[in-house]
Amino acid sequence: MKVMTEVTGAVDAEQEQALVDGFRRLLAEPKPDGLERTELLRDRDGVWRIQTLWRDQEALDTMRAAPEPPAAPTLFRRVGAEPRLQILLVEASTAERP
């Protein structure tokens, strides 16, 4: 079963570009095994989120057990935002359609 992580944080306006730039740098780095997709999203109230789709729980657990801390919460902390993590199980998806 696929798993999605969502890390959210309220980012001050003066730090928003640093968040975007930091996320783009992360995209240029090697991805952990099992990471299928990741996106940086912003709502209209200034709350930012990084949603990442993982192949399965094992891939997520392996990444979280690595010596370096997870990238998304680290990025939020770097721009002065306190991250909040949710782990969601993907019960159904358009990717399942033939």
N, C-alpha and C. Protein backbone atom coordinates (compact mmCIF):
# COMPACT_ATOMS: atom_id res chain seq x y z
N MET A 1 0.83 -1.18 0.00
CA MET A 1 0.00 0.00 0.00
C MET A 1 0.88 1.25 0.00
N LYS A 2 0.58 2.17 -0.89
CA LYS A 2 1.33 3.43 -0.94
C LYS A 2 1.02 4.27 0.29
N VAL A 3 1.98 5.11 0.64
CA VAL A 3 1.88 5.98 1.80
C VAL A 3 2.23 7.40 1.36
N MET A 4 1.48 8.38 1.87
CA MET A 4 1.81 9.77 1.58
C MET A 4 2.15 10.47 2.90
N THR A 5 3.24 11.21 2.88
CA THR A 5 3.55 12.06 4.00
C THR A 5 3.18 13.49 3.62
N GLU A 6 2.70 14.22 4.59
CA GLU A 6 2.41 15.64 4.38
C GLU A 6 3.02 16.40 5.54
N VAL A 7 3.98 17.25 5.21
CA VAL A 7 4.63 18.08 6.21
C VAL A 7 4.15 19.50 5.96
N THR A 8 3.57 20.13 6.98
CA THR A 8 3.03 21.48 6.83
C THR A 8 3.71 22.43 7.78
N GLY A 9 3.67 23.71 7.41
CA GLY A 9 4.21 24.74 8.27
C GLY A 9 3.80 26.12 7.80
N ALA A 10 3.64 27.02 8.75
CA ALA A 10 3.35 28.43 8.44
C ALA A 10 4.68 29.14 8.24
N VAL A 11 4.88 29.66 7.04
CA VAL A 11 6.16 30.28 6.68
C VAL A 11 5.97 31.79 6.56
N ASP A 12 6.82 32.55 7.24
CA ASP A 12 6.75 34.01 7.12
C ASP A 12 7.00 34.42 5.68
N ALA A 13 6.33 35.47 5.26
CA ALA A 13 6.41 35.93 3.87
C ALA A 13 7.84 36.15 3.42
N GLU A 14 8.68 36.68 4.29
CA GLU A 14 10.06 36.96 3.89
C GLU A 14 10.90 35.70 3.75
N GLN A 15 10.39 34.55 4.18
CA GLN A 15 11.11 33.28 4.07
C GLN A 15 10.56 32.38 2.96
N GLU A 16 9.49 32.81 2.30
CA GLU A 16 8.86 31.95 1.30
C GLU A 16 9.79 31.60 0.14
N GLN A 17 10.53 32.57 -0.36
CA GLN A 17 11.43 32.28 -1.48
C GLN A 17 12.55 31.33 -1.06
N ALA A 18 13.01 31.45 0.18
CA ALA A 18 14.04 30.54 0.69
C ALA A 18 13.48 29.11 0.74
N LEU A 19 12.20 28.97 1.10
CA LEU A 19 11.58 27.65 1.11
C LEU A 19 11.50 27.08 -0.30
N VAL A 20 11.04 27.88 -1.25
CA VAL A 20 10.93 27.41 -2.64
C VAL A 20 12.31 27.04 -3.18
N ASP A 21 13.29 27.90 -2.95
CA ASP A 21 14.65 27.63 -3.44
C ASP A 21 15.21 26.36 -2.80
N GLY A 22 14.97 26.19 -1.49
CA GLY A 22 15.46 25.00 -0.80
C GLY A 22 14.80 23.74 -1.33
N PHE A 23 13.51 23.81 -1.63
CA PHE A 23 12.82 22.64 -2.18
C PHE A 23 13.36 22.31 -3.56
N ARG A 24 13.61 23.31 -4.37
CA ARG A 24 14.18 23.06 -5.70
C ARG A 24 15.56 22.42 -5.60
N ARG A 25 16.34 22.81 -4.62
CA ARG A 25 17.64 22.17 -4.42
C ARG A 25 17.46 20.70 -4.03
N LEU A 26 16.47 20.43 -3.19
CA LEU A 26 16.19 19.04 -2.81
C LEU A 26 15.82 18.21 -4.04
N LEU A 27 15.07 18.79 -4.96
CA LEU A 27 14.68 18.07 -6.17
C LEU A 27 15.88 17.67 -7.02
N ALA A 28 16.96 18.43 -6.93
CA ALA A 28 18.16 18.15 -7.72
C ALA A 28 19.04 17.07 -7.08
N GLU A 29 18.77 16.74 -5.83
CA GLU A 29 19.57 15.73 -5.12
C GLU A 29 19.04 14.33 -5.41
N PRO A 30 19.85 13.31 -5.16
CA PRO A 30 19.36 11.93 -5.30
C PRO A 30 18.17 11.69 -4.37
N LYS A 31 17.18 10.97 -4.87
CA LYS A 31 15.97 10.70 -4.09
C LYS A 31 16.12 9.40 -3.31
N PRO A 32 15.53 9.35 -2.13
CA PRO A 32 15.54 8.08 -1.38
C PRO A 32 14.80 7.00 -2.16
N ASP A 33 15.24 5.78 -2.01
CA ASP A 33 14.56 4.66 -2.66
C ASP A 33 13.11 4.62 -2.21
N GLY A 34 12.21 4.48 -3.15
CA GLY A 34 10.79 4.39 -2.83
C GLY A 34 10.04 5.69 -2.89
N LEU A 35 10.74 6.82 -3.04
CA LEU A 35 10.06 8.10 -3.19
C LEU A 35 9.54 8.17 -4.63
N GLU A 36 8.24 8.26 -4.78
CA GLU A 36 7.64 8.26 -6.11
C GLU A 36 7.31 9.65 -6.63
N ARG A 37 6.93 10.55 -5.73
CA ARG A 37 6.56 11.90 -6.15
C ARG A 37 6.60 12.81 -4.94
N THR A 38 7.00 14.05 -5.15
CA THR A 38 6.95 15.03 -4.06
C THR A 38 6.60 16.38 -4.64
N GLU A 39 5.85 17.15 -3.88
CA GLU A 39 5.38 18.46 -4.35
C GLU A 39 5.38 19.45 -3.21
N LEU A 40 5.70 20.69 -3.54
CA LEU A 40 5.60 21.81 -2.61
C LEU A 40 4.34 22.58 -2.95
N LEU A 41 3.47 22.73 -1.97
CA LEU A 41 2.17 23.38 -2.18
C LEU A 41 1.99 24.52 -1.18
N ARG A 42 1.21 25.52 -1.59
CA ARG A 42 0.91 26.65 -0.69
C ARG A 42 -0.58 26.93 -0.76
N ASP A 43 -1.19 27.13 0.40
CA ASP A 43 -2.60 27.52 0.36
C ASP A 43 -2.70 29.04 0.41
N ARG A 44 -3.88 29.54 0.33
CA ARG A 44 -4.08 30.99 0.26
C ARG A 44 -3.87 31.69 1.59
N ASP A 45 -3.74 30.91 2.67
CA ASP A 45 -3.54 31.49 3.99
C ASP A 45 -2.08 31.49 4.43
N GLY A 46 -1.17 31.13 3.52
CA GLY A 46 0.25 31.14 3.84
C GLY A 46 0.77 29.87 4.48
N VAL A 47 -0.05 28.84 4.52
CA VAL A 47 0.43 27.55 5.03
C VAL A 47 0.99 26.76 3.85
N TRP A 48 2.20 26.29 4.03
CA TRP A 48 2.89 25.52 3.00
C TRP A 48 2.88 24.06 3.37
N ARG A 49 2.93 23.19 2.36
CA ARG A 49 2.99 21.75 2.61
C ARG A 49 3.86 21.07 1.57
N ILE A 50 4.54 20.07 2.03
CA ILE A 50 5.27 19.19 1.14
C ILE A 50 4.60 17.83 1.24
N GLN A 51 4.02 17.39 0.12
CA GLN A 51 3.40 16.08 0.05
C GLN A 51 4.33 15.16 -0.72
N THR A 52 4.56 13.99 -0.16
CA THR A 52 5.46 13.03 -0.78
C THR A 52 4.79 11.67 -0.81
N LEU A 53 4.79 11.07 -1.97
CA LEU A 53 4.21 9.75 -2.15
C LEU A 53 5.32 8.72 -2.11
N TRP A 54 5.13 7.70 -1.26
CA TRP A 54 6.10 6.64 -1.07
C TRP A 54 5.54 5.32 -1.59
N ARG A 55 6.42 4.49 -2.13
CA ARG A 55 6.04 3.19 -2.67
C ARG A 55 5.26 2.37 -1.64
N ASP A 56 5.73 2.40 -0.38
CA ASP A 56 5.08 1.64 0.69
C ASP A 56 5.64 2.11 2.04
N GLN A 57 5.09 1.58 3.10
CA GLN A 57 5.52 1.95 4.45
C GLN A 57 6.99 1.59 4.69
N GLU A 58 7.43 0.48 4.14
CA GLU A 58 8.83 0.07 4.31
C GLU A 58 9.79 1.11 3.75
N ALA A 59 9.48 1.67 2.58
CA ALA A 59 10.34 2.71 1.99
C ALA A 59 10.39 3.94 2.88
N LEU A 60 9.24 4.33 3.42
CA LEU A 60 9.21 5.47 4.33
C LEU A 60 10.01 5.18 5.59
N ASP A 61 9.82 4.00 6.17
CA ASP A 61 10.54 3.63 7.39
C ASP A 61 12.05 3.62 7.16
N THR A 62 12.48 3.12 6.00
CA THR A 62 13.91 3.08 5.68
C THR A 62 14.48 4.49 5.60
N MET A 63 13.76 5.40 4.94
CA MET A 63 14.22 6.79 4.85
C MET A 63 14.31 7.42 6.24
N ARG A 64 13.31 7.17 7.06
CA ARG A 64 13.27 7.79 8.39
C ARG A 64 14.34 7.21 9.31
N ALA A 65 14.82 6.00 9.04
CA ALA A 65 15.85 5.37 9.86
C ALA A 65 17.26 5.77 9.44
N ALA A 66 17.38 6.48 8.32
CA ALA A 66 18.70 6.89 7.83
C ALA A 66 19.34 7.87 8.81
N PRO A 67 20.68 7.98 8.79
CA PRO A 67 21.35 8.87 9.74
C PRO A 67 21.02 10.35 9.55
N GLU A 68 20.77 10.77 8.29
CA GLU A 68 20.42 12.17 8.07
C GLU A 68 18.92 12.36 8.33
N PRO A 69 18.55 13.51 8.91
CA PRO A 69 17.13 13.73 9.22
C PRO A 69 16.30 13.88 7.94
N PRO A 70 15.00 13.60 8.02
CA PRO A 70 14.13 13.75 6.85
C PRO A 70 14.19 15.16 6.28
N ALA A 71 14.19 15.24 4.96
CA ALA A 71 14.42 16.51 4.27
C ALA A 71 13.32 17.54 4.48
N ALA A 72 12.06 17.14 4.40
CA ALA A 72 10.97 18.12 4.45
C ALA A 72 10.91 18.85 5.80
N PRO A 73 10.89 18.15 6.94
CA PRO A 73 10.87 18.88 8.20
C PRO A 73 12.12 19.74 8.39
N THR A 74 13.26 19.24 7.93
CA THR A 74 14.50 20.00 8.05
C THR A 74 14.40 21.30 7.26
N LEU A 75 13.85 21.24 6.06
CA LEU A 75 13.69 22.45 5.24
C LEU A 75 12.78 23.46 5.93
N PHE A 76 11.67 23.01 6.47
CA PHE A 76 10.78 23.94 7.17
C PHE A 76 11.48 24.59 8.35
N ARG A 77 12.21 23.80 9.13
CA ARG A 77 12.93 24.38 10.28
C ARG A 77 13.97 25.40 9.82
N ARG A 78 14.61 25.12 8.69
CA ARG A 78 15.63 26.02 8.17
C ARG A 78 15.07 27.41 7.86
N VAL A 79 13.79 27.49 7.51
CA VAL A 79 13.18 28.79 7.21
C VAL A 79 12.35 29.31 8.38
N GLY A 80 12.53 28.73 9.55
CA GLY A 80 11.91 29.24 10.76
C GLY A 80 10.49 28.78 11.01
N ALA A 81 10.05 27.73 10.34
CA ALA A 81 8.69 27.22 10.53
C ALA A 81 8.74 25.90 11.30
N GLU A 82 7.79 25.71 12.19
CA GLU A 82 7.70 24.45 12.93
C GLU A 82 6.88 23.46 12.10
N PRO A 83 7.50 22.37 11.66
CA PRO A 83 6.79 21.43 10.79
C PRO A 83 5.82 20.54 11.56
N ARG A 84 4.78 20.17 10.88
CA ARG A 84 3.80 19.20 11.40
C ARG A 84 3.71 18.08 10.38
N LEU A 85 3.88 16.84 10.83
CA LEU A 85 3.90 15.68 9.95
C LEU A 85 2.61 14.87 10.09
N GLN A 86 2.05 14.49 8.94
CA GLN A 86 0.97 13.52 8.90
C GLN A 86 1.39 12.40 7.97
N ILE A 87 1.04 11.18 8.32
CA ILE A 87 1.30 10.03 7.47
C ILE A 87 -0.06 9.46 7.07
N LEU A 88 -0.29 9.39 5.77
CA LEU A 88 -1.59 8.99 5.23
C LEU A 88 -1.45 7.73 4.39
N LEU A 89 -2.38 6.82 4.53
CA LEU A 89 -2.40 5.62 3.70
C LEU A 89 -3.23 5.91 2.46
N VAL A 90 -2.72 5.56 1.30
CA VAL A 90 -3.43 5.81 0.05
C VAL A 90 -4.35 4.63 -0.19
N GLU A 91 -5.62 4.84 0.00
CA GLU A 91 -6.62 3.77 -0.15
C GLU A 91 -7.05 3.56 -1.58
N ALA A 92 -7.06 4.63 -2.38
CA ALA A 92 -7.44 4.55 -3.79
C ALA A 92 -6.82 5.73 -4.51
N SER A 93 -6.56 5.57 -5.81
CA SER A 93 -5.88 6.60 -6.57
C SER A 93 -6.20 6.47 -8.05
N THR A 94 -6.08 7.58 -8.78
CA THR A 94 -6.24 7.53 -10.23
C THR A 94 -5.14 6.68 -10.85
N ALA A 95 -4.03 6.52 -10.18
CA ALA A 95 -2.93 5.71 -10.70
C ALA A 95 -3.32 4.24 -10.81
N GLU A 96 -4.40 3.82 -10.16
CA GLU A 96 -4.85 2.44 -10.20
C GLU A 96 -5.62 2.12 -11.47
N ARG A 97 -6.09 3.15 -12.16
CA ARG A 97 -6.90 2.91 -13.36
C ARG A 97 -6.05 2.37 -14.50
N PRO A 98 -6.61 1.46 -15.29
CA PRO A 98 -5.83 0.89 -16.42
C PRO A 98 -5.60 1.91 -17.51
